[in-house]
Amino acid sequence: MKKLLILFLFVNISAAQTYKYGDKSKEIRKIQMRLINLGYITDQNGIFGIKTKFAVIAFQKVNNIKVDGIVGEETLKKLDNPSRPAPNYKNNPDHIEVDLKRQVLYLVENKRIKYIIPISSGKRNSTIKGRFKIYKLKKGWHKVMGKPWSGFMHNPIYFYKSYAIHGYKSVPNYPASHGCIRIPLCYSDFLFEYIKSKNVKEVYIY
């Protein structure tokens, strides 16, 4: 009964408005806490900052609704009745999965999806699919020259040749990279330290 009451209050408090980047309110903190409980990484301070925006984007991708990073009526309804994805691979309890169709990354811990992060993969299907081993991590910004592109990437987590999961300044809601898996800079340190501390080795891309 108590859980039902909390859910009822969430719907009624939030449904009257649209919440977007830069907004501040008690209702936003409730939205943040709901996202965190579902595995999305955001702040919990009532401020609709960049982490909250990307958490909303990831949630919208997973729930197959309009991806705009804004919490409106459709997103609020889904927050009350969300999709809860399950990992495709359970032979290794701790690993990474990259869902190219949904454009999200799953951190799987103990055979369950613990965290969900939005990504931008390779345009024109240039991201390779399969099972890979993480073979190198580099902290901070690193320059890449012509393999297969030139530029900078943050905290690269290499899984195949010069291809890596890495932080980048531009992570649109569609495939835009040269084959790497881009993640928002606001998650780059978190993911790097998580992979390092948990000694995660396997990456599945599908």
Protein backbone atom coordinates (compact mmCIF):
# COMPACT_ATOMS: atom_id res chain seq x y z
CA MET A 1 0.00 0.00 0.00
CA LYS A 2 2.85 2.36 0.85
CA LYS A 3 4.56 1.71 -2.53
CA LEU A 4 1.31 2.42 -4.37
CA LEU A 5 0.94 5.72 -2.50
CA ILE A 6 4.48 6.81 -3.44
CA LEU A 7 3.83 5.99 -7.09
CA PHE A 8 0.53 7.93 -7.02
CA LEU A 9 2.23 10.99 -5.55
CA PHE A 10 5.00 10.83 -8.17
CA VAL A 11 2.49 10.89 -11.04
CA ASN A 12 0.39 13.71 -9.62
CA ILE A 13 3.25 15.99 -8.62
CA SER A 14 5.15 15.60 -11.88
CA ALA A 15 2.50 15.36 -14.59
CA ALA A 16 1.62 19.06 -14.58
CA GLN A 17 4.93 20.27 -16.02
CA THR A 18 7.73 19.64 -18.46
CA TYR A 19 11.23 19.41 -17.03
CA LYS A 20 14.33 20.22 -19.04
CA TYR A 21 18.01 21.14 -18.83
CA GLY A 22 18.63 24.03 -16.42
CA ASP A 23 15.45 23.59 -14.37
CA LYS A 24 15.52 23.23 -10.57
CA SER A 25 12.79 21.81 -8.34
CA LYS A 26 11.89 19.18 -5.74
CA GLU A 27 10.04 17.30 -8.46
CA ILE A 28 13.24 16.99 -10.49
CA ARG A 29 14.94 15.37 -7.52
CA LYS A 30 12.14 12.78 -7.41
CA ILE A 31 12.66 12.13 -11.12
CA GLN A 32 16.39 11.76 -10.52
CA MET A 33 15.85 9.26 -7.72
CA ARG A 34 13.49 7.26 -9.94
CA LEU A 35 16.10 7.17 -12.72
CA ILE A 36 18.81 6.08 -10.27
CA ASN A 37 16.61 3.25 -8.99
CA LEU A 38 16.25 2.08 -12.60
CA GLY A 39 20.01 2.05 -13.22
CA TYR A 40 20.52 5.40 -14.91
CA ILE A 41 23.39 7.56 -13.70
CA THR A 42 22.37 11.06 -12.64
CA ASP A 43 22.72 13.60 -9.86
CA GLN A 44 20.21 13.70 -7.02
CA ASN A 45 20.24 17.41 -6.23
CA GLY A 46 17.05 18.65 -7.89
CA ILE A 47 19.02 20.39 -10.65
CA PHE A 48 18.44 19.25 -14.23
CA GLY A 49 22.08 19.21 -15.25
CA ILE A 50 23.99 17.41 -17.97
CA LYS A 51 24.03 14.05 -16.16
CA THR A 52 20.27 14.20 -15.72
CA LYS A 53 19.81 15.08 -19.38
CA PHE A 54 21.89 12.11 -20.55
CA ALA A 55 20.16 9.81 -18.04
CA VAL A 56 16.81 10.87 -19.48
CA ILE A 57 18.13 10.28 -23.02
CA ALA A 58 19.24 6.75 -22.08
CA PHE A 59 15.87 6.07 -20.47
CA GLN A 60 14.03 7.30 -23.56
CA LYS A 61 16.16 5.12 -25.82
CA VAL A 62 15.51 2.00 -23.76
CA ASN A 63 11.78 2.73 -23.60
CA ASN A 64 11.46 3.48 -27.32
CA ILE A 65 9.97 6.95 -26.88
CA LYS A 66 10.95 10.32 -28.36
CA VAL A 67 14.60 10.98 -27.52
CA ASP A 68 15.00 14.64 -26.62
CA GLY A 69 16.38 14.69 -23.07
CA ILE A 70 13.23 16.45 -21.84
CA VAL A 71 10.89 14.98 -19.23
CA GLY A 72 7.41 15.56 -20.57
CA GLU A 73 4.14 13.68 -20.32
CA GLU A 74 5.25 10.61 -22.28
CA THR A 75 8.50 10.20 -20.32
CA LEU A 76 6.70 10.71 -17.00
CA LYS A 77 4.24 7.96 -17.85
CA LYS A 78 7.07 5.60 -18.74
CA LEU A 79 8.86 6.39 -15.48
CA ASP A 80 5.84 4.91 -13.71
CA ASN A 81 5.81 1.81 -15.93
CA PRO A 82 9.29 1.44 -17.45
CA SER A 83 10.91 -1.21 -19.59
CA ARG A 84 13.53 -3.15 -17.65
CA PRO A 85 16.09 -4.61 -20.05
CA ALA A 86 17.92 -7.83 -19.28
CA PRO A 87 21.42 -8.78 -20.45
CA ASN A 88 21.73 -10.90 -23.57
CA TYR A 89 24.79 -12.73 -22.22
CA LYS A 90 24.97 -14.38 -18.80
CA ASN A 91 27.90 -16.77 -19.17
CA ASN A 92 30.13 -14.10 -17.62
CA PRO A 93 28.50 -12.44 -14.58
CA ASP A 94 30.36 -9.11 -15.00
CA HIS A 95 30.74 -7.59 -18.46
CA ILE A 96 29.77 -4.78 -20.83
CA GLU A 97 27.06 -5.00 -23.46
CA VAL A 98 26.59 -2.43 -26.22
CA ASP A 99 23.14 -2.40 -27.82
CA LEU A 100 23.63 -0.71 -31.19
CA LYS A 101 19.92 -0.62 -31.99
CA ARG A 102 19.02 1.20 -28.80
CA GLN A 103 22.33 3.12 -28.72
CA VAL A 104 23.02 2.34 -25.07
CA LEU A 105 25.72 0.60 -23.04
CA TYR A 106 24.88 -1.82 -20.24
CA LEU A 107 27.17 -2.48 -17.30
CA VAL A 108 26.27 -5.99 -16.22
CA GLU A 109 27.09 -7.03 -12.67
CA ASN A 110 26.21 -10.44 -11.21
CA LYS A 111 24.25 -11.24 -14.39
CA ARG A 112 22.01 -8.19 -14.01
CA ILE A 113 22.12 -4.79 -15.67
CA LYS A 114 23.35 -2.38 -13.00
CA TYR A 115 23.95 0.79 -15.03
CA ILE A 116 22.74 2.12 -18.39
CA ILE A 117 24.66 4.78 -20.33
CA PRO A 118 23.77 6.41 -23.69
CA ILE A 119 26.24 6.02 -26.52
CA SER A 120 26.90 7.02 -30.10
CA SER A 121 28.37 4.21 -32.19
CA GLY A 122 29.85 4.19 -35.68
CA LYS A 123 27.98 5.81 -38.53
CA ARG A 124 27.18 3.66 -41.57
CA ASN A 125 27.40 0.52 -39.39
CA SER A 126 31.15 0.95 -38.92
CA THR A 127 31.14 -0.41 -35.36
CA ILE A 128 32.13 -4.07 -35.39
CA LYS A 129 29.91 -6.60 -33.65
CA GLY A 130 30.94 -9.57 -31.57
CA ARG A 131 32.64 -10.58 -28.35
CA PHE A 132 35.84 -8.75 -27.41
CA LYS A 133 38.41 -8.55 -24.63
CA ILE A 134 39.42 -5.24 -23.08
CA TYR A 135 43.18 -5.14 -23.57
CA LYS A 136 44.20 -1.62 -22.59
CA LEU A 137 42.97 1.39 -20.61
CA LYS A 138 44.43 4.89 -20.86
CA LYS A 139 43.60 7.60 -18.34
CA GLY A 140 42.86 11.14 -19.54
CA TRP A 141 42.86 12.65 -23.02
CA HIS A 142 44.73 10.85 -25.80
CA LYS A 143 45.30 11.80 -29.42
CA VAL A 144 44.62 9.36 -32.22
CA MET A 145 46.18 9.86 -35.66
CA GLY A 146 44.51 8.25 -38.66
CA LYS A 147 43.59 4.87 -37.08
CA PRO A 148 40.78 4.96 -38.33
CA TRP A 149 40.36 8.67 -37.53
CA SER A 150 42.29 11.60 -36.11
CA GLY A 151 41.30 13.39 -32.93
CA PHE A 152 41.15 13.20 -29.16
CA MET A 153 39.33 10.75 -26.92
CA HIS A 154 38.95 10.68 -23.14
CA ASN A 155 39.72 7.63 -20.98
CA PRO A 156 39.79 5.14 -23.88
CA ILE A 157 38.95 1.53 -23.05
CA TYR A 158 40.37 -0.46 -25.96
CA PHE A 159 38.62 -3.63 -27.04
CA TYR A 160 39.75 -4.20 -30.67
CA LYS A 161 42.80 -2.74 -32.42
CA SER A 162 42.38 1.07 -32.23
CA TYR A 163 38.68 0.86 -31.39
CA ALA A 164 37.65 1.89 -27.90
CA ILE A 165 34.84 2.91 -25.62
CA HIS A 166 35.70 6.49 -24.71
CA GLY A 167 34.43 9.82 -23.54
CA TYR A 168 33.84 12.44 -26.21
CA LYS A 169 32.57 16.00 -26.38
CA SER A 170 29.86 15.14 -28.91
CA VAL A 171 27.51 12.22 -28.23
CA PRO A 172 24.38 12.67 -30.36
CA ASN A 173 21.34 10.43 -30.17
CA TYR A 174 22.36 8.53 -33.31
CA PRO A 175 25.47 6.75 -34.68
CA ALA A 176 28.10 9.39 -35.46
CA SER A 177 31.56 7.99 -34.65
CA HIS A 178 34.14 6.35 -36.91
CA GLY A 179 33.57 3.00 -35.24
CA CYS A 180 34.35 3.64 -31.57
CA ILE A 181 31.73 3.71 -28.83
CA ARG A 182 31.35 7.28 -27.63
CA ILE A 183 29.97 8.01 -24.17
CA PRO A 184 29.23 11.43 -22.62
CA LEU A 185 32.19 13.07 -20.90
CA CYS A 186 30.18 13.32 -17.67
CA TYR A 187 30.29 9.49 -17.45
CA SER A 188 33.82 8.94 -18.72
CA ASP A 189 35.64 8.94 -15.36
CA PHE A 190 32.94 6.82 -13.75
CA LEU A 191 33.09 4.14 -16.44
CA PHE A 192 36.89 4.08 -16.52
CA GLU A 193 37.19 3.62 -12.75
CA TYR A 194 34.38 1.06 -12.69
CA ILE A 195 36.04 -1.08 -15.36
CA LYS A 196 39.40 -0.79 -13.62
CA SER A 197 38.18 -1.51 -10.09
CA LYS A 198 35.91 -4.40 -11.11
CA ASN A 199 38.47 -5.80 -13.55
CA VAL A 200 35.82 -6.12 -16.26
CA LYS A 201 37.31 -7.77 -19.34
CA GLU A 202 34.55 -8.76 -21.77
CA VAL A 203 32.60 -6.55 -24.17
CA TYR A 204 29.67 -7.79 -26.25
CA ILE A 205 28.51 -5.60 -29.13
CA TYR A 206 25.32 -6.45 -30.99
